[in-house]
Amino acid sequence: MISIKKELLVSTSQATAFRVFSQQMDAWWPRSHHVGKTPMVSIVLEPKANGRWYSTHQGGEVCEVGRVEDFEPHSRLLLIWQLNGEFQFDPNLRSEVEVRFVSKGPEQTLVLFEHRDLEKLGKPTPTGSMDQGWTMILELFVTLARDGKLAGEALRVYQSPSIKG
């Protein structure tokens, strides 16, 4: 099983980290990372089991990303990623993105991220570029969860010491 694993130490409460990830994805997901043919307007993760995960685009296009398998408030999300190695939606594809939130104190949360079953995405499995993409995306999540806002040009790619992967 091929997977990408990340550990993020976020300076915020477990409840806030979970809320920002599961209910404010549109505030931190970069507009550059989408599968639509037109610019992305929003990304939606419906905060419930069996919820949809999709993006909306200029001109009304809606692009499926996957769905919410498990939604355990404050502690765990299990998302089903249904984009293949060419980042095209495949309703028969199932790789998993599991995100666990572990309280390390009133204002510290360990976020354990794993995108597994990457071998199902097709050959060649885009592990390197996906790893870089997830690093950048998760850093935006950490910044918003910690600071309550994204400062300046937050969409640049950089490696943060708060992410181990």
N, C-alpha and C. Protein backbone atom coordinates (compact mmCIF):
# COMPACT_ATOMS: atom_id res chain seq x y z
N MET A 1 0.85 -1.18 0.00
CA MET A 1 0.00 0.00 0.00
C MET A 1 0.90 1.24 0.00
N ILE A 2 0.70 2.11 -0.98
CA ILE A 2 1.46 3.36 -1.09
C ILE A 2 0.64 4.47 -0.44
N SER A 3 1.31 5.24 0.43
CA SER A 3 0.58 6.31 1.11
C SER A 3 1.48 7.52 1.34
N ILE A 4 0.83 8.63 1.60
CA ILE A 4 1.49 9.87 2.02
C ILE A 4 1.04 10.11 3.44
N LYS A 5 1.99 10.29 4.33
CA LYS A 5 1.67 10.55 5.74
C LYS A 5 2.29 11.87 6.16
N LYS A 6 1.53 12.62 6.94
CA LYS A 6 2.00 13.90 7.48
C LYS A 6 1.58 14.00 8.93
N GLU A 7 2.43 14.60 9.74
CA GLU A 7 2.10 14.94 11.12
C GLU A 7 2.21 16.45 11.24
N LEU A 8 1.16 17.07 11.73
CA LEU A 8 1.12 18.52 11.85
C LEU A 8 0.82 18.88 13.29
N LEU A 9 1.63 19.70 13.89
CA LEU A 9 1.36 20.20 15.22
C LEU A 9 0.78 21.60 15.06
N VAL A 10 -0.48 21.75 15.45
CA VAL A 10 -1.20 22.99 15.23
C VAL A 10 -1.44 23.68 16.57
N SER A 11 -1.12 24.95 16.65
CA SER A 11 -1.30 25.70 17.89
C SER A 11 -2.73 26.22 17.99
N THR A 12 -3.64 25.29 18.22
CA THR A 12 -5.04 25.61 18.43
C THR A 12 -5.71 24.41 19.09
N SER A 13 -6.91 24.59 19.55
CA SER A 13 -7.62 23.48 20.21
C SER A 13 -8.02 22.41 19.20
N GLN A 14 -8.28 21.23 19.71
CA GLN A 14 -8.72 20.11 18.88
C GLN A 14 -10.02 20.47 18.15
N ALA A 15 -10.96 21.07 18.84
CA ALA A 15 -12.24 21.44 18.24
C ALA A 15 -12.05 22.44 17.10
N THR A 16 -11.18 23.43 17.31
CA THR A 16 -10.94 24.42 16.26
C THR A 16 -10.24 23.80 15.07
N ALA A 17 -9.23 22.98 15.30
CA ALA A 17 -8.52 22.33 14.19
C ALA A 17 -9.50 21.50 13.36
N PHE A 18 -10.34 20.73 14.03
CA PHE A 18 -11.32 19.90 13.32
C PHE A 18 -12.30 20.77 12.53
N ARG A 19 -12.80 21.83 13.15
CA ARG A 19 -13.76 22.72 12.49
C ARG A 19 -13.16 23.39 11.27
N VAL A 20 -11.94 23.89 11.39
CA VAL A 20 -11.30 24.57 10.26
C VAL A 20 -11.09 23.58 9.11
N PHE A 21 -10.66 22.36 9.43
CA PHE A 21 -10.44 21.38 8.37
C PHE A 21 -11.75 20.96 7.72
N SER A 22 -12.73 20.63 8.52
CA SER A 22 -13.95 20.00 7.98
C SER A 22 -15.03 20.99 7.54
N GLN A 23 -15.04 22.19 8.10
CA GLN A 23 -16.13 23.11 7.79
C GLN A 23 -15.67 24.42 7.15
N GLN A 24 -14.36 24.63 7.08
CA GLN A 24 -13.85 25.85 6.48
C GLN A 24 -12.82 25.56 5.39
N MET A 25 -12.94 24.40 4.75
CA MET A 25 -11.99 24.03 3.71
C MET A 25 -11.90 25.10 2.63
N ASP A 26 -13.01 25.72 2.30
CA ASP A 26 -13.01 26.73 1.26
C ASP A 26 -12.13 27.93 1.61
N ALA A 27 -11.91 28.19 2.90
CA ALA A 27 -11.08 29.32 3.32
C ALA A 27 -9.59 29.05 3.16
N TRP A 28 -9.17 27.78 3.13
CA TRP A 28 -7.74 27.50 3.07
C TRP A 28 -7.30 26.69 1.85
N TRP A 29 -8.21 26.06 1.14
CA TRP A 29 -7.83 25.26 -0.03
C TRP A 29 -7.40 26.21 -1.14
N PRO A 30 -6.21 26.00 -1.73
CA PRO A 30 -5.73 26.93 -2.77
C PRO A 30 -6.55 26.84 -4.06
N ARG A 31 -6.88 27.98 -4.61
CA ARG A 31 -7.66 28.02 -5.85
C ARG A 31 -6.90 27.42 -7.03
N SER A 32 -5.59 27.29 -6.90
CA SER A 32 -4.78 26.71 -7.97
C SER A 32 -4.92 25.20 -8.07
N HIS A 33 -5.43 24.55 -7.04
CA HIS A 33 -5.50 23.08 -7.00
C HIS A 33 -6.95 22.62 -7.17
N HIS A 34 -7.31 22.43 -8.43
CA HIS A 34 -8.67 22.00 -8.75
C HIS A 34 -8.65 21.19 -10.04
N VAL A 35 -9.75 20.53 -10.33
CA VAL A 35 -9.84 19.68 -11.52
C VAL A 35 -10.79 20.23 -12.57
N GLY A 36 -11.36 21.37 -12.34
CA GLY A 36 -12.31 21.95 -13.30
C GLY A 36 -11.61 22.57 -14.49
N LYS A 37 -12.40 22.84 -15.51
CA LYS A 37 -11.87 23.47 -16.73
C LYS A 37 -11.84 24.99 -16.61
N THR A 38 -12.55 25.53 -15.64
CA THR A 38 -12.59 26.98 -15.41
C THR A 38 -12.10 27.26 -13.99
N PRO A 39 -11.77 28.52 -13.69
CA PRO A 39 -11.28 28.84 -12.34
C PRO A 39 -12.26 28.39 -11.24
N MET A 40 -11.68 27.90 -10.15
CA MET A 40 -12.48 27.42 -9.03
C MET A 40 -13.06 28.60 -8.26
N VAL A 41 -14.33 28.46 -7.89
CA VAL A 41 -15.02 29.46 -7.07
C VAL A 41 -15.00 29.02 -5.61
N SER A 42 -15.28 27.73 -5.36
CA SER A 42 -15.30 27.23 -3.98
C SER A 42 -15.03 25.73 -3.96
N ILE A 43 -14.62 25.26 -2.79
CA ILE A 43 -14.51 23.83 -2.56
C ILE A 43 -15.39 23.53 -1.35
N VAL A 44 -16.14 22.44 -1.46
CA VAL A 44 -17.13 22.12 -0.44
C VAL A 44 -16.87 20.72 0.10
N LEU A 45 -16.80 20.60 1.40
CA LEU A 45 -16.77 19.32 2.09
C LEU A 45 -17.99 19.33 3.01
N GLU A 46 -19.00 18.56 2.65
CA GLU A 46 -20.20 18.53 3.47
C GLU A 46 -19.88 17.84 4.79
N PRO A 47 -20.03 18.54 5.93
CA PRO A 47 -19.58 18.03 7.22
C PRO A 47 -20.53 17.00 7.85
N LYS A 48 -20.57 15.82 7.22
CA LYS A 48 -21.40 14.72 7.71
C LYS A 48 -21.01 13.45 6.99
N ALA A 49 -21.27 12.31 7.61
CA ALA A 49 -21.05 11.02 6.94
C ALA A 49 -21.91 10.99 5.69
N ASN A 50 -21.35 10.46 4.62
CA ASN A 50 -21.99 10.40 3.30
C ASN A 50 -22.13 11.76 2.64
N GLY A 51 -21.41 12.76 3.16
CA GLY A 51 -21.42 14.08 2.54
C GLY A 51 -20.60 14.09 1.26
N ARG A 52 -20.85 15.05 0.43
CA ARG A 52 -20.11 15.21 -0.83
C ARG A 52 -18.85 16.04 -0.60
N TRP A 53 -17.85 15.85 -1.49
CA TRP A 53 -16.63 16.65 -1.54
C TRP A 53 -16.50 17.07 -2.99
N TYR A 54 -16.64 18.36 -3.26
CA TYR A 54 -16.66 18.81 -4.64
C TYR A 54 -16.22 20.27 -4.73
N SER A 55 -15.96 20.71 -5.96
CA SER A 55 -15.62 22.11 -6.19
C SER A 55 -16.61 22.70 -7.18
N THR A 56 -16.82 24.02 -7.04
CA THR A 56 -17.64 24.75 -8.00
C THR A 56 -16.73 25.69 -8.76
N HIS A 57 -17.15 26.02 -9.99
CA HIS A 57 -16.27 26.79 -10.88
C HIS A 57 -17.06 27.87 -11.61
N GLN A 58 -16.31 28.83 -12.15
CA GLN A 58 -16.93 29.88 -12.94
C GLN A 58 -17.74 29.23 -14.07
N GLY A 59 -18.89 29.77 -14.35
CA GLY A 59 -19.75 29.22 -15.39
C GLY A 59 -20.68 28.13 -14.88
N GLY A 60 -20.61 27.82 -13.57
CA GLY A 60 -21.53 26.84 -12.99
C GLY A 60 -21.06 25.40 -12.97
N GLU A 61 -19.84 25.13 -13.45
CA GLU A 61 -19.32 23.76 -13.45
C GLU A 61 -19.18 23.25 -12.01
N VAL A 62 -19.53 21.99 -11.77
CA VAL A 62 -19.35 21.32 -10.49
C VAL A 62 -18.50 20.10 -10.73
N CYS A 63 -17.41 19.94 -9.97
CA CYS A 63 -16.49 18.82 -10.14
C CYS A 63 -16.41 18.02 -8.85
N GLU A 64 -16.72 16.76 -8.93
CA GLU A 64 -16.64 15.87 -7.78
C GLU A 64 -15.18 15.58 -7.45
N VAL A 65 -14.85 15.55 -6.19
CA VAL A 65 -13.53 15.13 -5.70
C VAL A 65 -13.67 13.77 -5.02
N GLY A 66 -14.73 13.60 -4.24
CA GLY A 66 -14.95 12.36 -3.52
C GLY A 66 -16.12 12.52 -2.58
N ARG A 67 -16.00 11.89 -1.40
CA ARG A 67 -17.09 11.97 -0.44
C ARG A 67 -16.56 11.75 0.97
N VAL A 68 -17.41 12.04 1.94
CA VAL A 68 -17.08 11.85 3.34
C VAL A 68 -17.57 10.47 3.76
N GLU A 69 -16.67 9.62 4.16
CA GLU A 69 -17.03 8.27 4.60
C GLU A 69 -17.43 8.27 6.08
N ASP A 70 -16.55 8.84 6.92
CA ASP A 70 -16.81 8.92 8.36
C ASP A 70 -16.57 10.35 8.81
N PHE A 71 -17.42 10.82 9.70
CA PHE A 71 -17.33 12.17 10.25
C PHE A 71 -17.51 12.05 11.76
N GLU A 72 -16.41 12.12 12.48
CA GLU A 72 -16.42 11.97 13.94
C GLU A 72 -15.96 13.30 14.53
N PRO A 73 -16.92 14.17 14.90
CA PRO A 73 -16.57 15.52 15.35
C PRO A 73 -15.44 15.57 16.37
N HIS A 74 -14.52 16.46 16.08
CA HIS A 74 -13.35 16.79 16.88
C HIS A 74 -12.23 15.75 16.82
N SER A 75 -12.49 14.54 16.29
CA SER A 75 -11.43 13.53 16.37
C SER A 75 -11.01 12.92 15.04
N ARG A 76 -11.91 12.73 14.06
CA ARG A 76 -11.50 11.97 12.87
C ARG A 76 -12.41 12.25 11.68
N LEU A 77 -11.77 12.31 10.51
CA LEU A 77 -12.46 12.35 9.23
C LEU A 77 -11.89 11.24 8.37
N LEU A 78 -12.74 10.56 7.65
CA LEU A 78 -12.29 9.63 6.62
C LEU A 78 -12.95 10.05 5.33
N LEU A 79 -12.13 10.51 4.40
CA LEU A 79 -12.60 11.01 3.12
C LEU A 79 -12.24 10.01 2.03
N ILE A 80 -13.09 9.88 1.07
CA ILE A 80 -12.82 9.03 -0.08
C ILE A 80 -12.42 9.94 -1.24
N TRP A 81 -11.20 9.75 -1.72
CA TRP A 81 -10.64 10.51 -2.84
C TRP A 81 -10.95 9.71 -4.10
N GLN A 82 -11.63 10.33 -5.06
CA GLN A 82 -12.03 9.62 -6.26
C GLN A 82 -11.45 10.25 -7.53
N LEU A 83 -10.25 10.82 -7.39
CA LEU A 83 -9.53 11.36 -8.53
C LEU A 83 -8.41 10.41 -8.89
N ASN A 84 -8.28 10.09 -10.16
CA ASN A 84 -7.23 9.15 -10.58
C ASN A 84 -5.89 9.87 -10.71
N GLY A 85 -4.88 9.18 -11.20
CA GLY A 85 -3.53 9.73 -11.33
C GLY A 85 -3.43 10.90 -12.28
N GLU A 86 -4.45 11.09 -13.11
CA GLU A 86 -4.50 12.24 -14.02
C GLU A 86 -5.46 13.31 -13.48
N PHE A 87 -5.86 13.15 -12.23
CA PHE A 87 -6.76 14.07 -11.53
C PHE A 87 -8.10 14.23 -12.25
N GLN A 88 -8.62 13.09 -12.69
CA GLN A 88 -9.95 13.03 -13.28
C GLN A 88 -10.84 12.21 -12.35
N PHE A 89 -12.08 12.63 -12.17
CA PHE A 89 -13.01 11.93 -11.30
C PHE A 89 -13.34 10.55 -11.87
N ASP A 90 -13.30 9.55 -11.00
CA ASP A 90 -13.66 8.18 -11.35
C ASP A 90 -14.57 7.66 -10.24
N PRO A 91 -15.86 7.50 -10.51
CA PRO A 91 -16.79 7.09 -9.45
C PRO A 91 -16.50 5.71 -8.89
N ASN A 92 -15.71 4.91 -9.59
CA ASN A 92 -15.37 3.56 -9.13
C ASN A 92 -14.07 3.52 -8.33
N LEU A 93 -13.36 4.63 -8.27
CA LEU A 93 -12.07 4.70 -7.58
C LEU A 93 -12.29 5.02 -6.10
N ARG A 94 -11.46 4.42 -5.27
CA ARG A 94 -11.55 4.66 -3.83
C ARG A 94 -10.16 4.62 -3.22
N SER A 95 -9.59 5.80 -2.99
CA SER A 95 -8.42 5.88 -2.13
C SER A 95 -8.88 6.69 -0.92
N GLU A 96 -8.19 6.54 0.19
CA GLU A 96 -8.68 7.12 1.44
C GLU A 96 -7.76 8.22 1.95
N VAL A 97 -8.39 9.27 2.43
CA VAL A 97 -7.70 10.35 3.13
C VAL A 97 -8.24 10.35 4.55
N GLU A 98 -7.40 9.91 5.49
CA GLU A 98 -7.81 9.89 6.89
C GLU A 98 -7.10 11.01 7.63
N VAL A 99 -7.86 11.76 8.40
CA VAL A 99 -7.31 12.86 9.18
C VAL A 99 -7.78 12.69 10.62
N ARG A 100 -6.80 12.51 11.52
CA ARG A 100 -7.13 12.35 12.95
C ARG A 100 -6.61 13.57 13.71
N PHE A 101 -7.38 13.99 14.71
CA PHE A 101 -7.08 15.17 15.50
C PHE A 101 -6.90 14.73 16.95
N VAL A 102 -5.69 14.89 17.48
CA VAL A 102 -5.36 14.42 18.81
C VAL A 102 -4.99 15.62 19.68
N SER A 103 -5.74 15.85 20.74
CA SER A 103 -5.46 16.96 21.64
C SER A 103 -4.14 16.72 22.37
N LYS A 104 -3.30 17.74 22.36
CA LYS A 104 -2.04 17.71 23.11
C LYS A 104 -2.03 18.78 24.19
N GLY A 105 -3.20 19.30 24.49
CA GLY A 105 -3.36 20.37 25.48
C GLY A 105 -4.45 21.30 25.00
N PRO A 106 -4.78 22.31 25.80
CA PRO A 106 -5.89 23.19 25.45
C PRO A 106 -5.68 23.94 24.13
N GLU A 107 -4.45 24.23 23.77
CA GLU A 107 -4.17 24.99 22.55
C GLU A 107 -3.13 24.31 21.67
N GLN A 108 -3.10 22.97 21.68
CA GLN A 108 -2.20 22.23 20.81
C GLN A 108 -2.89 20.96 20.32
N THR A 109 -2.84 20.75 19.01
CA THR A 109 -3.47 19.58 18.42
C THR A 109 -2.50 18.93 17.44
N LEU A 110 -2.33 17.64 17.59
CA LEU A 110 -1.56 16.86 16.63
C LEU A 110 -2.54 16.38 15.57
N VAL A 111 -2.27 16.71 14.32
CA VAL A 111 -3.11 16.29 13.21
C VAL A 111 -2.33 15.22 12.45
N LEU A 112 -2.89 14.04 12.40
CA LEU A 112 -2.28 12.91 11.69
C LEU A 112 -3.02 12.73 10.38
N PHE A 113 -2.32 12.94 9.29
CA PHE A 113 -2.90 12.91 7.95
C PHE A 113 -2.31 11.73 7.18
N GLU A 114 -3.17 10.99 6.51
CA GLU A 114 -2.69 9.91 5.64
C GLU A 114 -3.59 9.80 4.42
N HIS A 115 -2.97 9.88 3.25
CA HIS A 115 -3.67 9.58 1.99
C HIS A 115 -3.11 8.24 1.53
N ARG A 116 -3.96 7.21 1.61
CA ARG A 116 -3.48 5.85 1.33
C ARG A 116 -4.16 5.25 0.10
N ASP A 117 -3.58 4.14 -0.33
CA ASP A 117 -4.03 3.41 -1.52
C ASP A 117 -3.72 4.18 -2.80
N LEU A 118 -2.61 4.91 -2.81
CA LEU A 118 -2.25 5.69 -3.99
C LEU A 118 -1.99 4.83 -5.21
N GLU A 119 -1.66 3.57 -5.01
CA GLU A 119 -1.44 2.69 -6.15
C GLU A 119 -2.71 2.51 -6.98
N LYS A 120 -3.86 2.79 -6.39
CA LYS A 120 -5.13 2.66 -7.11
C LYS A 120 -5.36 3.80 -8.10
N LEU A 121 -4.56 4.86 -8.01
CA LEU A 121 -4.78 6.02 -8.85
C LEU A 121 -4.34 5.82 -10.28
N GLY A 122 -3.61 4.74 -10.54
CA GLY A 122 -3.13 4.47 -11.89
C GLY A 122 -1.64 4.65 -11.98
N LYS A 123 -1.09 4.23 -13.08
CA LYS A 123 0.35 4.29 -13.27
C LYS A 123 0.70 5.42 -14.20
N PRO A 124 1.80 6.12 -13.97
CA PRO A 124 2.58 6.03 -12.75
C PRO A 124 1.86 6.75 -11.61
N THR A 125 1.98 6.21 -10.43
CA THR A 125 1.36 6.83 -9.27
C THR A 125 2.08 8.15 -9.00
N PRO A 126 1.35 9.25 -8.94
CA PRO A 126 1.97 10.58 -8.81
C PRO A 126 2.35 10.92 -7.37
N THR A 127 3.06 10.02 -6.71
CA THR A 127 3.33 10.19 -5.29
C THR A 127 4.13 11.47 -4.99
N GLY A 128 5.18 11.73 -5.76
CA GLY A 128 6.02 12.90 -5.50
C GLY A 128 5.27 14.21 -5.61
N SER A 129 4.55 14.40 -6.71
CA SER A 129 3.81 15.65 -6.88
C SER A 129 2.64 15.74 -5.90
N MET A 130 2.02 14.61 -5.59
CA MET A 130 0.94 14.63 -4.60
C MET A 130 1.47 14.97 -3.22
N ASP A 131 2.66 14.45 -2.89
CA ASP A 131 3.27 14.76 -1.60
C ASP A 131 3.53 16.26 -1.49
N GLN A 132 4.09 16.85 -2.54
CA GLN A 132 4.34 18.29 -2.54
C GLN A 132 3.03 19.07 -2.45
N GLY A 133 2.03 18.62 -3.19
CA GLY A 133 0.73 19.29 -3.17
C GLY A 133 0.09 19.26 -1.80
N TRP A 134 0.09 18.06 -1.17
CA TRP A 134 -0.50 17.95 0.17
C TRP A 134 0.28 18.78 1.18
N THR A 135 1.61 18.85 1.05
CA THR A 135 2.40 19.67 1.97
C THR A 135 1.97 21.13 1.90
N MET A 136 1.84 21.65 0.70
CA MET A 136 1.44 23.05 0.52
C MET A 136 0.01 23.28 1.02
N ILE A 137 -0.90 22.39 0.67
CA ILE A 137 -2.30 22.53 1.07
C ILE A 137 -2.44 22.47 2.59
N LEU A 138 -1.74 21.51 3.21
CA LEU A 138 -1.86 21.36 4.66
C LEU A 138 -1.21 22.52 5.41
N GLU A 139 -0.19 23.13 4.83
CA GLU A 139 0.40 24.30 5.47
C GLU A 139 -0.60 25.45 5.50
N LEU A 140 -1.39 25.59 4.47
CA LEU A 140 -2.43 26.62 4.46
C LEU A 140 -3.47 26.33 5.55
N PHE A 141 -3.83 25.06 5.71
CA PHE A 141 -4.75 24.67 6.80
C PHE A 141 -4.15 25.04 8.15
N VAL A 142 -2.87 24.70 8.38
CA VAL A 142 -2.21 24.98 9.66
C VAL A 142 -2.24 26.48 9.94
N THR A 143 -1.92 27.29 8.93
CA THR A 143 -1.89 28.74 9.11
C THR A 143 -3.26 29.28 9.50
N LEU A 144 -4.30 28.85 8.81
CA LEU A 144 -5.64 29.35 9.13
C LEU A 144 -6.10 28.86 10.50
N ALA A 145 -5.84 27.59 10.81
CA ALA A 145 -6.25 27.05 12.12
C ALA A 145 -5.53 27.76 13.26
N ARG A 146 -4.26 28.07 13.05
CA ARG A 146 -3.45 28.72 14.09
C ARG A 146 -3.76 30.20 14.22
N ASP A 147 -3.83 30.92 13.09
CA ASP A 147 -3.91 32.38 13.11
C ASP A 147 -5.31 32.92 12.88
N GLY A 148 -6.20 32.09 12.37
CA GLY A 148 -7.54 32.56 12.05
C GLY A 148 -7.62 33.31 10.73
N LYS A 149 -6.48 33.42 10.03
CA LYS A 149 -6.46 34.08 8.72
C LYS A 149 -5.22 33.62 7.96
N LEU A 150 -5.26 33.80 6.65
CA LEU A 150 -4.11 33.52 5.81
C LEU A 150 -3.44 34.85 5.52
N ALA A 151 -2.16 34.96 5.87
CA ALA A 151 -1.45 36.22 5.72
C ALA A 151 -0.82 36.34 4.34
N GLY A 152 -0.93 37.52 3.74
CA GLY A 152 -0.26 37.84 2.49
C GLY A 152 -0.52 36.84 1.39
N GLU A 153 0.50 36.54 0.62
CA GLU A 153 0.42 35.58 -0.48
C GLU A 153 0.66 34.20 0.08
N ALA A 154 -0.38 33.62 0.66
CA ALA A 154 -0.26 32.34 1.37
C ALA A 154 -0.27 31.15 0.43
N LEU A 155 -0.44 31.35 -0.85
CA LEU A 155 -0.53 30.22 -1.77
C LEU A 155 0.82 29.78 -2.32
N ARG A 156 1.90 30.38 -1.85
CA ARG A 156 3.21 29.94 -2.32
C ARG A 156 3.57 28.59 -1.69
N VAL A 157 4.42 27.86 -2.34
CA VAL A 157 4.80 26.53 -1.85
C VAL A 157 6.04 26.68 -0.97
N TYR A 158 5.97 26.15 0.21
CA TYR A 158 7.14 26.14 1.09
C TYR A 158 6.99 25.01 2.08
N GLN A 159 8.11 24.54 2.60
CA GLN A 159 8.11 23.45 3.58
C GLN A 159 8.14 24.07 4.96
N SER A 160 7.19 23.71 5.76
CA SER A 160 7.11 24.24 7.12
C SER A 160 7.69 23.24 8.11
N PRO A 161 8.37 23.72 9.15
CA PRO A 161 8.85 22.81 10.18
C PRO A 161 7.72 22.19 10.99
N SER A 162 6.48 22.69 10.83
CA SER A 162 5.37 22.12 11.58
C SER A 162 4.79 20.86 10.92
N ILE A 163 5.28 20.54 9.72
CA ILE A 163 4.80 19.35 9.02
C ILE A 163 5.95 18.37 8.87
N LYS A 164 5.73 17.16 9.32
CA LYS A 164 6.71 16.09 9.13
C LYS A 164 6.10 15.12 8.13
N GLY A 165 6.84 14.77 7.12
CA GLY A 165 6.24 13.87 6.15
C GLY A 165 7.23 13.18 5.41
